[in-house]
Amino acid sequence: IGVTPWADIGMAAEIIGPRYVFSSKPNPASVAVPILNEDA
């Protein structure tokens, strides 16, 4: 199951659990910047 950056990550993980693959898609906007915010 695909889990978009706009999903509720906690809810998705709780429901998916051990039954399905959690296919996470972090926000690509994080690399579209002059300086990468490593803490974020």
Full PDB file with SEQRES, HELIX, SHEET, SSBOND, CRYST1, ORIGX, SCALE, CONECT and MASTER records, all heavy atoms in Angstrom:
SEQRES   1 A   40  ILE GLY VAL THR PRO TRP ALA ASP ILE GLY MET ALA ALA          
SEQRES   2 A   40  GLU ILE ILE GLY PRO ARG TYR VAL PHE SER SER LYS PRO          
SEQRES   3 A   40  ASN PRO ALA SER VAL ALA VAL PRO ILE LEU ASN GLU ASP          
SEQRES   4 A   40  ALA                                                          
HELIX    1 AA1 ILE A    9  ILE A   16  1                                   8    
HELIX    2 AA2 PRO A   28  VAL A   31  5                                   4    
SHEET    1 AA1 2 GLY A   2  VAL A   3  0                                        
SHEET    2 AA1 2 SER A  23  SER A  24  1                                        
CRYST1    1.000    1.000    1.000  90.00  90.00  90.00 P 1           1          
ORIGX1      1.000000  0.000000  0.000000        0.00000                         
ORIGX2      0.000000  1.000000  0.000000        0.00000                         
ORIGX3      0.000000  0.000000  1.000000        0.00000                         
SCALE1      1.000000  0.000000  0.000000        0.00000                         
SCALE2      0.000000  1.000000  0.000000        0.00000                         
SCALE3      0.000000  0.000000  1.000000        0.00000                         
ATOM      1  N   ILE A   1       0.844  -1.191   0.000  1.00  0.00           N  
ATOM      2  CA  ILE A   1       0.000   0.000   0.000  1.00  0.00           C  
ATOM      3  C   ILE A   1       0.881   1.243   0.000  1.00  0.00           C  
ATOM      4  O   ILE A   1       1.789   1.374   0.823  1.00  0.00           O  
ATOM      5  CB  ILE A   1      -0.939   0.023   1.228  1.00  0.00           C  
ATOM      6  CG1 ILE A   1      -1.878  -1.190   1.193  1.00  0.00           C  
ATOM      7  CG2 ILE A   1      -1.744   1.315   1.273  1.00  0.00           C  
ATOM      8  CD1 ILE A   1      -2.738  -1.335   2.434  1.00  0.00           C  
ATOM      9  N   GLY A   2       0.617   2.156  -0.928  1.00  0.00           N  
ATOM     10  CA  GLY A   2       1.362   3.402  -0.999  1.00  0.00           C  
ATOM     11  C   GLY A   2       0.908   4.367   0.081  1.00  0.00           C  
ATOM     12  O   GLY A   2      -0.297   4.553   0.297  1.00  0.00           O  
ATOM     13  N   VAL A   3       1.884   4.982   0.765  1.00  0.00           N  
ATOM     14  CA  VAL A   3       1.579   5.947   1.829  1.00  0.00           C  
ATOM     15  C   VAL A   3       2.225   7.272   1.463  1.00  0.00           C  
ATOM     16  O   VAL A   3       3.436   7.454   1.559  1.00  0.00           O  
ATOM     17  CB  VAL A   3       2.069   5.453   3.201  1.00  0.00           C  
ATOM     18  CG1 VAL A   3       1.664   6.446   4.281  1.00  0.00           C  
ATOM     19  CG2 VAL A   3       1.517   4.067   3.513  1.00  0.00           C  
ATOM     20  N   THR A   4       1.405   8.203   1.010  1.00  0.00           N  
ATOM     21  CA  THR A   4       1.838   9.503   0.521  1.00  0.00           C  
ATOM     22  C   THR A   4       2.288  10.426   1.658  1.00  0.00           C  
ATOM     23  O   THR A   4       1.926  10.200   2.820  1.00  0.00           O  
ATOM     24  CB  THR A   4       0.666  10.146  -0.244  1.00  0.00           C  
ATOM     25  OG1 THR A   4       1.010  11.455  -0.657  1.00  0.00           O  
ATOM     26  CG2 THR A   4      -0.554  10.232   0.631  1.00  0.00           C  
ATOM     27  N   PRO A   5       3.036  11.483   1.350  1.00  0.00           N  
ATOM     28  CA  PRO A   5       3.414  12.448   2.399  1.00  0.00           C  
ATOM     29  C   PRO A   5       2.205  13.116   3.049  1.00  0.00           C  
ATOM     30  O   PRO A   5       2.328  13.666   4.153  1.00  0.00           O  
ATOM     31  CB  PRO A   5       4.257  13.480   1.634  1.00  0.00           C  
ATOM     32  CG  PRO A   5       4.747  12.783   0.425  1.00  0.00           C  
ATOM     33  CD  PRO A   5       3.682  11.790   0.065  1.00  0.00           C  
ATOM     34  N   TRP A   6       1.048  13.097   2.376  1.00  0.00           N  
ATOM     35  CA  TRP A   6      -0.137  13.777   2.895  1.00  0.00           C  
ATOM     36  C   TRP A   6      -1.035  12.849   3.687  1.00  0.00           C  
ATOM     37  O   TRP A   6      -2.135  13.229   4.082  1.00  0.00           O  
ATOM     38  CB  TRP A   6      -0.898  14.414   1.729  1.00  0.00           C  
ATOM     39  CG  TRP A   6      -0.020  15.391   1.011  1.00  0.00           C  
ATOM     40  CD1 TRP A   6       0.273  16.675   1.385  1.00  0.00           C  
ATOM     41  CD2 TRP A   6       0.740  15.138  -0.162  1.00  0.00           C  
ATOM     42  NE1 TRP A   6       1.168  17.232   0.499  1.00  0.00           N  
ATOM     43  CE2 TRP A   6       1.476  16.324  -0.470  1.00  0.00           C  
ATOM     44  CE3 TRP A   6       0.881  14.036  -1.008  1.00  0.00           C  
ATOM     45  CZ2 TRP A   6       2.325  16.423  -1.570  1.00  0.00           C  
ATOM     46  CZ3 TRP A   6       1.728  14.137  -2.106  1.00  0.00           C  
ATOM     47  CH2 TRP A   6       2.426  15.317  -2.373  1.00  0.00           C  
ATOM     48  N   ALA A   7      -0.596  11.637   3.933  1.00  0.00           N  
ATOM     49  CA  ALA A   7      -1.366  10.685   4.742  1.00  0.00           C  
ATOM     50  C   ALA A   7      -1.034  10.864   6.217  1.00  0.00           C  
ATOM     51  O   ALA A   7      -0.002  11.437   6.586  1.00  0.00           O  
ATOM     52  CB  ALA A   7      -1.053   9.252   4.304  1.00  0.00           C  
ATOM     53  N   ASP A   8      -1.909  10.358   7.059  1.00  0.00           N  
ATOM     54  CA  ASP A   8      -1.643  10.277   8.490  1.00  0.00           C  
ATOM     55  C   ASP A   8      -0.751   9.048   8.693  1.00  0.00           C  
ATOM     56  O   ASP A   8      -1.228   7.911   8.663  1.00  0.00           O  
ATOM     57  CB  ASP A   8      -2.955  10.151   9.262  1.00  0.00           C  
ATOM     58  CG  ASP A   8      -2.756  10.143  10.775  1.00  0.00           C  
ATOM     59  OD1 ASP A   8      -1.829   9.458  11.263  1.00  0.00           O  
ATOM     60  OD2 ASP A   8      -3.540  10.803  11.477  1.00  0.00           O  
ATOM     61  N   ILE A   9       0.539   9.278   8.895  1.00  0.00           N  
ATOM     62  CA  ILE A   9       1.510   8.189   8.954  1.00  0.00           C  
ATOM     63  C   ILE A   9       1.207   7.223  10.099  1.00  0.00           C  
ATOM     64  O   ILE A   9       1.253   5.998   9.926  1.00  0.00           O  
ATOM     65  CB  ILE A   9       2.936   8.752   9.100  1.00  0.00           C  
ATOM     66  CG1 ILE A   9       3.290   9.671   7.923  1.00  0.00           C  
ATOM     67  CG2 ILE A   9       3.949   7.617   9.221  1.00  0.00           C  
ATOM     68  CD1 ILE A   9       3.290   9.001   6.577  1.00  0.00           C  
ATOM     69  N   GLY A  10       0.894   7.768  11.262  1.00  0.00           N  
ATOM     70  CA  GLY A  10       0.630   6.920  12.419  1.00  0.00           C  
ATOM     71  C   GLY A  10      -0.579   6.029  12.210  1.00  0.00           C  
ATOM     72  O   GLY A  10      -0.553   4.832  12.524  1.00  0.00           O  
ATOM     73  N   MET A  11      -1.667   6.604  11.693  1.00  0.00           N  
ATOM     74  CA  MET A  11      -2.876   5.814  11.442  1.00  0.00           C  
ATOM     75  C   MET A  11      -2.604   4.733  10.400  1.00  0.00           C  
ATOM     76  O   MET A  11      -3.028   3.578  10.571  1.00  0.00           O  
ATOM     77  CB  MET A  11      -4.020   6.717  10.973  1.00  0.00           C  
ATOM     78  CG  MET A  11      -5.315   5.959  10.712  1.00  0.00           C  
ATOM     79  SD  MET A  11      -6.633   7.007  10.016  1.00  0.00           S  
ATOM     80  CE  MET A  11      -6.898   8.129  11.384  1.00  0.00           C  
ATOM     81  N   ALA A  12      -1.907   5.100   9.338  1.00  0.00           N  
ATOM     82  CA  ALA A  12      -1.617   4.134   8.279  1.00  0.00           C  
ATOM     83  C   ALA A  12      -0.801   2.965   8.807  1.00  0.00           C  
ATOM     84  O   ALA A  12      -1.082   1.803   8.512  1.00  0.00           O  
ATOM     85  CB  ALA A  12      -0.888   4.817   7.123  1.00  0.00           C  
ATOM     86  N   ALA A  13       0.231   3.259   9.606  1.00  0.00           N  
ATOM     87  CA  ALA A  13       1.093   2.198  10.133  1.00  0.00           C  
ATOM     88  C   ALA A  13       0.326   1.277  11.080  1.00  0.00           C  
ATOM     89  O   ALA A  13       0.519   0.053  11.068  1.00  0.00           O  
ATOM     90  CB  ALA A  13       2.290   2.807  10.845  1.00  0.00           C  
ATOM     91  N   GLU A  14      -0.555   1.858  11.880  1.00  0.00           N  
ATOM     92  CA  GLU A  14      -1.324   1.049  12.830  1.00  0.00           C  
ATOM     93  C   GLU A  14      -2.256   0.085  12.104  1.00  0.00           C  
ATOM     94  O   GLU A  14      -2.402  -1.074  12.502  1.00  0.00           O  
ATOM     95  CB  GLU A  14      -2.139   1.967  13.740  1.00  0.00           C  
ATOM     96  CG  GLU A  14      -2.954   1.219  14.790  1.00  0.00           C  
ATOM     97  CD  GLU A  14      -3.736   2.148  15.702  1.00  0.00           C  
ATOM     98  OE1 GLU A  14      -3.576   3.386  15.577  1.00  0.00           O  
ATOM     99  OE2 GLU A  14      -4.507   1.637  16.534  1.00  0.00           O  
ATOM    100  N   ILE A  15      -2.881   0.564  11.011  1.00  0.00           N  
ATOM    101  CA  ILE A  15      -3.837  -0.275  10.296  1.00  0.00           C  
ATOM    102  C   ILE A  15      -3.119  -1.286   9.403  1.00  0.00           C  
ATOM    103  O   ILE A  15      -3.510  -2.456   9.323  1.00  0.00           O  
ATOM    104  CB  ILE A  15      -4.789   0.603   9.458  1.00  0.00           C  
ATOM    105  CG1 ILE A  15      -5.583   1.537  10.370  1.00  0.00           C  
ATOM    106  CG2 ILE A  15      -5.739  -0.273   8.640  1.00  0.00           C  
ATOM    107  CD1 ILE A  15      -6.408   2.560   9.630  1.00  0.00           C  
ATOM    108  N   ILE A  16      -2.056  -0.855   8.728  1.00  0.00           N  
ATOM    109  CA  ILE A  16      -1.306  -1.763   7.847  1.00  0.00           C  
ATOM    110  C   ILE A  16      -0.631  -2.857   8.662  1.00  0.00           C  
ATOM    111  O   ILE A  16      -0.694  -4.036   8.319  1.00  0.00           O  
ATOM    112  CB  ILE A  16      -0.280  -0.974   7.015  1.00  0.00           C  
ATOM    113  CG1 ILE A  16      -1.001  -0.125   5.963  1.00  0.00           C  
ATOM    114  CG2 ILE A  16       0.737  -1.913   6.351  1.00  0.00           C  
ATOM    115  CD1 ILE A  16      -0.102   0.815   5.201  1.00  0.00           C  
ATOM    116  N   GLY A  17       0.034  -2.461   9.749  1.00  0.00           N  
ATOM    117  CA  GLY A  17       0.659  -3.424  10.653  1.00  0.00           C  
ATOM    118  C   GLY A  17       1.530  -4.443   9.935  1.00  0.00           C  
ATOM    119  O   GLY A  17       2.261  -4.115   8.993  1.00  0.00           O  
ATOM    120  N   PRO A  18       1.456  -5.714  10.340  1.00  0.00           N  
ATOM    121  CA  PRO A  18       2.281  -6.757   9.730  1.00  0.00           C  
ATOM    122  C   PRO A  18       1.652  -7.395   8.491  1.00  0.00           C  
ATOM    123  O   PRO A  18       2.215  -8.320   7.920  1.00  0.00           O  
ATOM    124  CB  PRO A  18       2.397  -7.792  10.849  1.00  0.00           C  
ATOM    125  CG  PRO A  18       1.098  -7.675  11.589  1.00  0.00           C  
ATOM    126  CD  PRO A  18       0.729  -6.215  11.532  1.00  0.00           C  
ATOM    127  N   ARG A  19       0.488  -6.875   8.047  1.00  0.00           N  
ATOM    128  CA  ARG A  19      -0.282  -7.566   7.002  1.00  0.00           C  
ATOM    129  C   ARG A  19       0.127  -7.184   5.590  1.00  0.00           C  
ATOM    130  O   ARG A  19      -0.031  -7.973   4.661  1.00  0.00           O  
ATOM    131  CB  ARG A  19      -1.768  -7.280   7.199  1.00  0.00           C  
ATOM    132  CG  ARG A  19      -2.306  -7.752   8.545  1.00  0.00           C  
ATOM    133  CD  ARG A  19      -3.763  -7.389   8.695  1.00  0.00           C  
ATOM    134  NE  ARG A  19      -3.986  -5.948   8.585  1.00  0.00           N  
ATOM    135  CZ  ARG A  19      -5.079  -5.408   8.056  1.00  0.00           C  
ATOM    136  NH1 ARG A  19      -6.028  -6.180   7.549  1.00  0.00           N  
ATOM    137  NH2 ARG A  19      -5.216  -4.092   8.015  1.00  0.00           N  
ATOM    138  N   TYR A  20       0.619  -5.945   5.409  1.00  0.00           N  
ATOM    139  CA  TYR A  20       0.951  -5.458   4.077  1.00  0.00           C  
ATOM    140  C   TYR A  20       2.273  -4.709   4.125  1.00  0.00           C  
ATOM    141  O   TYR A  20       2.740  -4.310   5.201  1.00  0.00           O  
ATOM    142  CB  TYR A  20      -0.142  -4.515   3.554  1.00  0.00           C  
ATOM    143  CG  TYR A  20      -1.531  -5.094   3.588  1.00  0.00           C  
ATOM    144  CD1 TYR A  20      -2.481  -4.628   4.491  1.00  0.00           C  
ATOM    145  CD2 TYR A  20      -1.890  -6.124   2.719  1.00  0.00           C  
ATOM    146  CE1 TYR A  20      -3.757  -5.173   4.540  1.00  0.00           C  
ATOM    147  CE2 TYR A  20      -3.169  -6.674   2.762  1.00  0.00           C  
ATOM    148  CZ  TYR A  20      -4.093  -6.190   3.674  1.00  0.00           C  
ATOM    149  OH  TYR A  20      -5.350  -6.748   3.725  1.00  0.00           O  
ATOM    150  N   VAL A  21       2.861  -4.489   2.960  1.00  0.00           N  
ATOM    151  CA  VAL A  21       4.065  -3.658   2.870  1.00  0.00           C  
ATOM    152  C   VAL A  21       3.638  -2.198   2.944  1.00  0.00           C  
ATOM    153  O   VAL A  21       2.737  -1.763   2.224  1.00  0.00           O  
ATOM    154  CB  VAL A  21       4.816  -3.919   1.558  1.00  0.00           C  
ATOM    155  CG1 VAL A  21       6.040  -2.997   1.463  1.00  0.00           C  
ATOM    156  CG2 VAL A  21       5.241  -5.379   1.458  1.00  0.00           C  
ATOM    157  N   PHE A  22       4.286  -1.466   3.818  1.00  0.00           N  
ATOM    158  CA  PHE A  22       4.080  -0.026   3.977  1.00  0.00           C  
ATOM    159  C   PHE A  22       5.053   0.665   3.023  1.00  0.00           C  
ATOM    160  O   PHE A  22       6.252   0.710   3.266  1.00  0.00           O  
ATOM    161  CB  PHE A  22       4.366   0.351   5.437  1.00  0.00           C  
ATOM    162  CG  PHE A  22       4.051   1.768   5.832  1.00  0.00           C  
ATOM    163  CD1 PHE A  22       2.988   2.045   6.678  1.00  0.00           C  
ATOM    164  CD2 PHE A  22       4.851   2.822   5.408  1.00  0.00           C  
ATOM    165  CE1 PHE A  22       2.710   3.344   7.090  1.00  0.00           C  
ATOM    166  CE2 PHE A  22       4.580   4.121   5.801  1.00  0.00           C  
ATOM    167  CZ  PHE A  22       3.508   4.380   6.641  1.00  0.00           C  
ATOM    168  N   SER A  23       4.533   1.178   1.894  1.00  0.00           N  
ATOM    169  CA  SER A  23       5.392   1.794   0.877  1.00  0.00           C  
ATOM    170  C   SER A  23       5.352   3.311   1.046  1.00  0.00           C  
ATOM    171  O   SER A  23       4.477   3.990   0.521  1.00  0.00           O  
ATOM    172  CB  SER A  23       4.934   1.386  -0.524  1.00  0.00           C  
ATOM    173  OG  SER A  23       5.871   1.785  -1.495  1.00  0.00           O  
ATOM    174  N   SER A  24       6.313   3.818   1.782  1.00  0.00           N  
ATOM    175  CA  SER A  24       6.307   5.217   2.190  1.00  0.00           C  
ATOM    176  C   SER A  24       6.940   6.114   1.136  1.00  0.00           C  
ATOM    177  O   SER A  24       7.950   5.766   0.523  1.00  0.00           O  
ATOM    178  CB  SER A  24       7.062   5.367   3.512  1.00  0.00           C  
ATOM    179  OG  SER A  24       7.132   6.724   3.899  1.00  0.00           O  
ATOM    180  N   LYS A  25       6.353   7.289   0.945  1.00  0.00           N  
ATOM    181  CA  LYS A  25       6.866   8.277   0.006  1.00  0.00           C  
ATOM    182  C   LYS A  25       7.133   9.588   0.744  1.00  0.00           C  
ATOM    183  O   LYS A  25       6.248  10.433   0.874  1.00  0.00           O  
ATOM    184  CB  LYS A  25       5.864   8.520  -1.136  1.00  0.00           C  
ATOM    185  CG  LYS A  25       5.286   7.270  -1.772  1.00  0.00           C  
ATOM    186  CD  LYS A  25       6.351   6.419  -2.415  1.00  0.00           C  
ATOM    187  CE  LYS A  25       5.778   5.245  -3.184  1.00  0.00           C  
ATOM    188  NZ  LYS A  25       4.973   4.329  -2.350  1.00  0.00           N  
ATOM    189  N   PRO A  26       8.349   9.796   1.243  1.00  0.00           N  
ATOM    190  CA  PRO A  26       8.667  11.062   1.894  1.00  0.00           C  
ATOM    191  C   PRO A  26       8.514  12.226   0.919  1.00  0.00           C  
ATOM    192  O   PRO A  26       8.529  12.047  -0.307  1.00  0.00           O  
ATOM    193  CB  PRO A  26      10.123  10.892   2.320  1.00  0.00           C  
ATOM    194  CG  PRO A  26      10.346   9.424   2.351  1.00  0.00           C  
ATOM    195  CD  PRO A  26       9.461   8.853   1.283  1.00  0.00           C  
ATOM    196  N   ASN A  27       8.394  13.422   1.453  1.00  0.00           N  
ATOM    197  CA  ASN A  27       8.143  14.607   0.632  1.00  0.00           C  
ATOM    198  C   ASN A  27       9.385  14.990  -0.174  1.00  0.00           C  
ATOM    199  O   ASN A  27      10.416  15.328   0.393  1.00  0.00           O  
ATOM    200  CB  ASN A  27       7.732  15.776   1.527  1.00  0.00           C  
ATOM    201  CG  ASN A  27       7.079  16.886   0.738  1.00  0.00           C  
ATOM    202  OD1 ASN A  27       7.361  17.075  -0.437  1.00  0.00           O  
ATOM    203  ND2 ASN A  27       6.199  17.619   1.389  1.00  0.00           N  
ATOM    204  N   PRO A  28       9.313  14.961  -1.531  1.00  0.00           N  
ATOM    205  CA  PRO A  28      10.482  15.310  -2.340  1.00  0.00           C  
ATOM    206  C   PRO A  28      10.841  16.789  -2.275  1.00  0.00           C  
ATOM    207  O   PRO A  28      11.918  17.181  -2.717  1.00  0.00           O  
ATOM    208  CB  PRO A  28      10.063  14.901  -3.754  1.00  0.00           C  
ATOM    209  CG  PRO A  28       8.577  14.981  -3.752  1.00  0.00           C  
ATOM    210  CD  PRO A  28       8.155  14.566  -2.363  1.00  0.00           C  
ATOM    211  N   ALA A  29       9.935  17.607  -1.733  1.00  0.00           N  
ATOM    212  CA  ALA A  29      10.254  19.033  -1.589  1.00  0.00           C  
ATOM    213  C   ALA A  29      11.448  19.244  -0.664  1.00  0.00           C  
ATOM    214  O   ALA A  29      12.081  20.300  -0.709  1.00  0.00           O  
ATOM    215  CB  ALA A  29       9.031  19.791  -1.068  1.00  0.00           C  
ATOM    216  N   SER A  30      11.767  18.249   0.147  1.00  0.00           N  
ATOM    217  CA  SER A  30      12.883  18.407   1.086  1.00  0.00           C  
ATOM    218  C   SER A  30      14.213  18.608   0.387  1.00  0.00           C  
ATOM    219  O   SER A  30      15.132  19.211   0.953  1.00  0.00           O  
ATOM    220  CB  SER A  30      12.972  17.178   2.004  1.00  0.00           C  
ATOM    221  OG  SER A  30      13.280  16.011   1.254  1.00  0.00           O  
ATOM    222  N   VAL A  31      14.360  18.110  -0.861  1.00  0.00           N  
ATOM    223  CA  VAL A  31      15.629  18.261  -1.582  1.00  0.00           C  
ATOM    224  C   VAL A  31      15.579  19.398  -2.600  1.00  0.00           C  
ATOM    225  O   VAL A  31      16.580  19.688  -3.261  1.00  0.00           O  
ATOM    226  CB  VAL A  31      16.043  16.956  -2.287  1.00  0.00           C  
ATOM    227  CG1 VAL A  31      16.235  15.845  -1.274  1.00  0.00           C  
ATOM    228  CG2 VAL A  31      15.020  16.544  -3.349  1.00  0.00           C  
ATOM    229  N   ALA A  32      14.434  20.065  -2.736  1.00  0.00           N  
ATOM    230  CA  ALA A  32      14.274  21.141  -3.720  1.00  0.00           C  
ATOM    231  C   ALA A  32      14.580  22.490  -3.087  1.00  0.00           C  
ATOM    232  O   ALA A  32      13.833  23.453  -3.234  1.00  0.00           O  
ATOM    233  CB  ALA A  32      12.860  21.126  -4.284  1.00  0.00           C  
ATOM    234  N   VAL A  33      15.703  22.566  -2.393  1.00  0.00           N  
ATOM    235  CA  VAL A  33      16.023  23.748  -1.586  1.00  0.00           C  
ATOM    236  C   VAL A  33      17.502  24.130  -1.748  1.00  0.00           C  
ATOM    237  O   VAL A  33      18.329  23.294  -2.125  1.00  0.00           O  
ATOM    238  CB  VAL A  33      15.737  23.465  -0.091  1.00  0.00           C  
ATOM    239  CG1 VAL A  33      14.244  23.330   0.152  1.00  0.00           C  
ATOM    240  CG2 VAL A  33      16.456  22.205   0.377  1.00  0.00           C  
ATOM    241  N   PRO A  34      17.848  25.395  -1.474  1.00  0.00           N  
ATOM    242  CA  PRO A  34      19.257  25.796  -1.553  1.00  0.00           C  
ATOM    243  C   PRO A  34      20.139  25.070  -0.551  1.00  0.00           C  
ATOM    244  O   PRO A  34      21.288  24.745  -0.841  1.00  0.00           O  
ATOM    245  CB  PRO A  34      19.214  27.303  -1.273  1.00  0.00           C  
ATOM    246  CG  PRO A  34      17.812  27.714  -1.536  1.00  0.00           C  
ATOM    247  CD  PRO A  34      16.960  26.537  -1.188  1.00  0.00           C  
ATOM    248  N   ILE A  35      19.602  24.812   0.646  1.00  0.00           N  
ATOM    249  CA  ILE A  35      20.356  24.117   1.693  1.00  0.00           C  
ATOM    250  C   ILE A  35      19.447  23.068   2.328  1.00  0.00           C  
ATOM    251  O   ILE A  35      18.353  23.383   2.796  1.00  0.00           O  
ATOM    252  CB  ILE A  35      20.857  25.091   2.774  1.00  0.00           C  
ATOM    253  CG1 ILE A  35      21.768  26.158   2.155  1.00  0.00           C  
ATOM    254  CG2 ILE A  35      21.604  24.330   3.873  1.00  0.00           C  
ATOM    255  CD1 ILE A  35      22.229  27.212   3.129  1.00  0.00           C  
ATOM    256  N   LEU A  36      19.901  21.833   2.323  1.00  0.00           N  
ATOM    257  CA  LEU A  36      19.106  20.750   2.887  1.00  0.00           C  
ATOM    258  C   LEU A  36      18.951  20.928   4.395  1.00  0.00           C  
ATOM    259  O   LEU A  36      19.933  21.125   5.108  1.00  0.00           O  
ATOM    260  CB  LEU A  36      19.779  19.406   2.593  1.00  0.00           C  
ATOM    261  CG  LEU A  36      18.990  18.149   2.928  1.00  0.00           C  
ATOM    262  CD1 LEU A  36      17.806  17.998   1.987  1.00  0.00           C  
ATOM    263  CD2 LEU A  36      19.886  16.915   2.831  1.00  0.00           C  
ATOM    264  N   ASN A  37      17.715  20.862   4.872  1.00  0.00           N  
ATOM    265  CA  ASN A  37      17.442  20.955   6.304  1.00  0.00           C  
ATOM    266  C   ASN A  37      17.519  19.546   6.886  1.00  0.00           C  
ATOM    267  O   ASN A  37      16.547  18.804   6.895  1.00  0.00           O  
ATOM    268  CB  ASN A  37      16.067  21.572   6.544  1.00  0.00           C  
ATOM    269  CG  ASN A  37      15.791  21.845   8.019  1.00  0.00           C  
ATOM    270  OD1 ASN A  37      16.324  21.170   8.905  1.00  0.00           O  
ATOM    271  ND2 ASN A  37      14.952  22.833   8.287  1.00  0.00           N  
ATOM    272  N   GLU A  38      18.698  19.179   7.377  1.00  0.00           N  
ATOM    273  CA  GLU A  38      18.911  17.810   7.832  1.00  0.00           C  
ATOM    274  C   GLU A  38      18.094  17.485   9.071  1.00  0.00           C  
ATOM    275  O   GLU A  38      17.630  16.349   9.226  1.00  0.00           O  
ATOM    276  CB  GLU A  38      20.404  17.576   8.083  1.00  0.00           C  
ATOM    277  CG  GLU A  38      21.239  17.679   6.816  1.00  0.00           C  
ATOM    278  CD  GLU A  38      22.658  17.171   7.016  1.00  0.00           C  
ATOM    279  OE1 GLU A  38      22.937  16.581   8.093  1.00  0.00           O  
ATOM    280  OE2 GLU A  38      23.476  17.329   6.095  1.00  0.00           O  
ATOM    281  N   ASP A  39      17.894  18.452   9.940  1.00  0.00           N  
ATOM    282  CA  ASP A  39      17.102  18.186  11.144  1.00  0.00           C  
ATOM    283  C   ASP A  39      15.652  17.870  10.773  1.00  0.00           C  
ATOM    284  O   ASP A  39      15.054  16.921  11.311  1.00  0.00           O  
ATOM    285  CB  ASP A  39      17.141  19.393  12.085  1.00  0.00           C  
ATOM    286  CG  ASP A  39      18.513  19.596  12.717  1.00  0.00           C  
ATOM    287  OD1 ASP A  39      19.282  18.614  12.780  1.00  0.00           O  
ATOM    288  OD2 ASP A  39      18.810  20.727  13.146  1.00  0.00           O  
ATOM    289  N   ALA A  40      15.089  18.640   9.847  1.00  0.00           N  
ATOM    290  CA  ALA A  40      13.706  18.390   9.419  1.00  0.00           C  
ATOM    291  C   ALA A  40      13.600  17.048   8.715  1.00  0.00           C  
ATOM    292  O   ALA A  40      12.615  16.318   8.887  1.00  0.00           O  
ATOM    293  CB  ALA A  40      13.236  19.516   8.501  1.00  0.00           C  
TER     294      ALA A  40                                                      
MASTER        0    0    0    2    2    0    0    6  293    1    0    4          
END                                                                             
